[in-house]
Amino acid sequence: MKKILTALFFIMATIPAHAEQFKTIKNSEIHYSAFNSTMITPEVATQYKLKRNGYSAILNISVLDKSQLGKPAINAKITGTSKNLIGQTRQLEFKQVKEGSAIYYLTEFPISDEENLTFNINVDAGNTGSGPFSFTQKFYIEE
């Protein structure tokens, strides 16, 4: 399983620079990356029960405690929505994935070609830092 998460991390590292994004809320450093599900391997998709096709995307969020040495990953409650340009809103359901000391929160959602989605995310990491953030990203289908 460690190899699978390493592969997922590698895939995320090869995504264009805009995907290397984070927000800071108090002592929480929230890293997020949204990408087409075809960027994960079939093995990763099977392992984590994720859809892998050109019409699906994945949002990956991790929360780090920047007040601790090495900024360890911490547990958090992640909720959120995505909204397209015509106002259609979709509730996002995150699942937690733990691998050793790494903690990821994953959600998948359908996309249309050249679709701009605005994500409104709320992070509750307790005393470490809690609050909302948002970002917008354009997606392309892959056939």
Protein backbone atom coordinates (compact mmCIF):
# COMPACT_ATOMS: atom_id res chain seq x y z
CA MET A 1 0.00 0.00 0.00
CA LYS A 2 2.93 2.33 0.67
CA LYS A 3 3.97 1.93 -2.98
CA ILE A 4 0.49 2.98 -4.08
CA LEU A 5 0.51 6.16 -2.00
CA THR A 6 4.02 6.89 -3.17
CA ALA A 7 2.74 6.56 -6.74
CA LEU A 8 -0.19 8.88 -5.91
CA PHE A 9 2.20 11.41 -4.39
CA PHE A 10 4.47 11.15 -7.44
CA ILE A 11 1.52 11.73 -9.75
CA MET A 12 0.49 14.78 -7.75
CA ALA A 13 4.06 16.12 -7.90
CA THR A 14 4.01 15.95 -11.70
CA ILE A 15 0.80 17.97 -12.03
CA PRO A 16 1.35 21.57 -13.22
CA ALA A 17 2.60 24.08 -10.66
CA HIS A 18 -0.85 25.52 -9.90
CA ALA A 19 -1.70 22.20 -8.28
CA GLU A 20 0.95 22.77 -5.60
CA GLN A 21 -1.31 25.01 -3.58
CA PHE A 22 -1.91 25.51 0.11
CA LYS A 23 -3.69 27.81 2.51
CA THR A 24 -2.70 28.61 6.06
CA ILE A 25 -5.32 28.86 8.79
CA LYS A 26 -3.75 29.54 12.19
CA ASN A 27 -1.26 26.63 12.60
CA SER A 28 -2.89 24.46 9.92
CA GLU A 29 -1.23 24.28 6.53
CA ILE A 30 -3.85 22.90 4.15
CA HIS A 31 -2.49 21.47 0.89
CA TYR A 32 -4.94 20.79 -1.92
CA SER A 33 -4.77 19.42 -5.42
CA ALA A 34 -7.56 18.74 -7.93
CA PHE A 35 -6.84 16.64 -11.01
CA ASN A 36 -8.44 14.39 -13.60
CA SER A 37 -8.85 10.84 -12.29
CA THR A 38 -6.99 9.41 -15.30
CA MET A 39 -3.81 10.71 -13.66
CA ILE A 40 -3.95 7.94 -11.07
CA THR A 41 -2.96 4.40 -11.93
CA PRO A 42 -5.59 1.66 -12.22
CA GLU A 43 -4.03 0.06 -9.10
CA VAL A 44 -4.49 3.23 -7.01
CA ALA A 45 -8.07 3.59 -8.28
CA THR A 46 -8.87 0.00 -7.30
CA GLN A 47 -7.12 0.24 -3.91
CA TYR A 48 -9.06 3.35 -2.86
CA LYS A 49 -12.28 2.57 -4.73
CA LEU A 50 -11.99 5.66 -6.93
CA LYS A 51 -13.48 6.09 -10.38
CA ARG A 52 -10.85 6.38 -13.08
CA ASN A 53 -12.20 7.85 -16.30
CA GLY A 54 -11.99 11.01 -18.37
CA TYR A 55 -15.17 12.43 -16.90
CA SER A 56 -14.17 12.26 -13.22
CA ALA A 57 -11.78 14.31 -11.13
CA ILE A 58 -10.32 13.96 -7.64
CA LEU A 59 -9.67 16.55 -4.96
CA ASN A 60 -6.92 15.62 -2.51
CA ILE A 61 -6.49 17.60 0.72
CA SER A 62 -3.96 17.14 3.51
CA VAL A 63 -3.67 19.14 6.72
CA LEU A 64 -0.30 19.70 8.37
CA ASP A 65 0.45 21.14 11.80
CA LYS A 66 3.05 23.81 11.08
CA SER A 67 3.58 24.48 14.81
CA GLN A 68 5.24 21.07 15.23
CA LEU A 69 8.68 20.06 14.07
CA GLY A 70 8.48 18.44 10.64
CA LYS A 71 4.90 19.66 10.09
CA PRO A 72 3.18 16.31 10.71
CA ALA A 73 -0.12 15.43 9.07
CA ILE A 74 -3.08 15.76 11.42
CA ASN A 75 -6.66 14.58 11.54
CA ALA A 76 -9.29 17.06 10.46
CA LYS A 77 -12.91 17.16 9.45
CA ILE A 78 -13.19 18.29 5.83
CA THR A 79 -16.47 19.35 4.25
CA GLY A 80 -17.19 21.28 1.11
CA THR A 81 -19.02 21.94 -2.10
CA SER A 82 -18.20 22.55 -5.74
CA LYS A 83 -20.14 24.99 -7.89
CA ASN A 84 -20.07 25.48 -11.66
CA LEU A 85 -20.57 28.75 -13.56
CA ILE A 86 -24.34 28.29 -13.90
CA GLY A 87 -24.71 27.86 -10.14
CA GLN A 88 -25.13 24.09 -9.87
CA THR A 89 -23.75 23.05 -6.49
CA ARG A 90 -22.55 19.59 -5.50
CA GLN A 91 -21.86 18.44 -1.94
CA LEU A 92 -18.42 16.80 -1.67
CA GLU A 93 -17.98 13.65 0.42
CA PHE A 94 -14.41 13.20 1.64
CA LYS A 95 -12.88 9.90 2.69
CA GLN A 96 -9.83 9.75 4.91
CA VAL A 97 -6.82 7.70 3.81
CA LYS A 98 -4.02 6.98 6.28
CA GLU A 99 -0.69 5.54 5.23
CA GLY A 100 1.93 5.57 7.96
CA SER A 101 2.20 9.16 9.13
CA ALA A 102 0.50 10.55 5.99
CA ILE A 103 -3.19 11.49 6.08
CA TYR A 104 -5.14 12.39 2.93
CA TYR A 105 -8.74 13.40 2.39
CA LEU A 106 -10.06 12.41 -1.04
CA THR A 107 -13.27 13.16 -2.87
CA GLU A 108 -14.24 12.48 -6.46
CA PHE A 109 -16.68 14.38 -8.64
CA PRO A 110 -17.87 14.46 -12.25
CA ILE A 111 -16.53 17.04 -14.69
CA SER A 112 -17.44 18.43 -18.11
CA ASP A 113 -14.99 19.66 -20.73
CA GLU A 114 -13.61 23.14 -20.02
CA GLU A 115 -15.67 23.34 -16.84
CA ASN A 116 -14.72 25.93 -14.22
CA LEU A 117 -15.53 24.77 -10.70
CA THR A 118 -15.32 26.83 -7.54
CA PHE A 119 -14.59 24.79 -4.44
CA ASN A 120 -15.71 26.03 -1.03
CA ILE A 121 -13.95 23.95 1.59
CA ASN A 122 -14.24 24.03 5.36
CA VAL A 123 -11.45 22.54 7.47
CA ASP A 124 -11.90 21.74 11.15
CA ALA A 125 -8.56 20.84 12.70
CA GLY A 126 -9.58 21.86 16.20
CA ASN A 127 -7.18 24.14 18.08
CA THR A 128 -4.58 23.79 15.32
CA GLY A 129 -6.74 25.84 12.99
CA SER A 130 -10.18 25.75 11.49
CA GLY A 131 -11.93 27.76 8.83
CA PRO A 132 -13.03 28.03 5.21
CA PHE A 133 -11.10 28.57 2.00
CA SER A 134 -12.03 28.49 -1.67
CA PHE A 135 -10.38 28.12 -5.04
CA THR A 136 -11.43 27.85 -8.68
CA GLN A 137 -10.05 25.46 -11.26
CA LYS A 138 -10.78 24.61 -14.88
CA PHE A 139 -11.10 20.94 -15.89
CA TYR A 140 -10.85 19.14 -19.20
CA ILE A 141 -12.28 15.73 -20.01
CA GLU A 142 -10.04 13.02 -21.38
CA GLU A 143 -11.44 10.51 -23.81
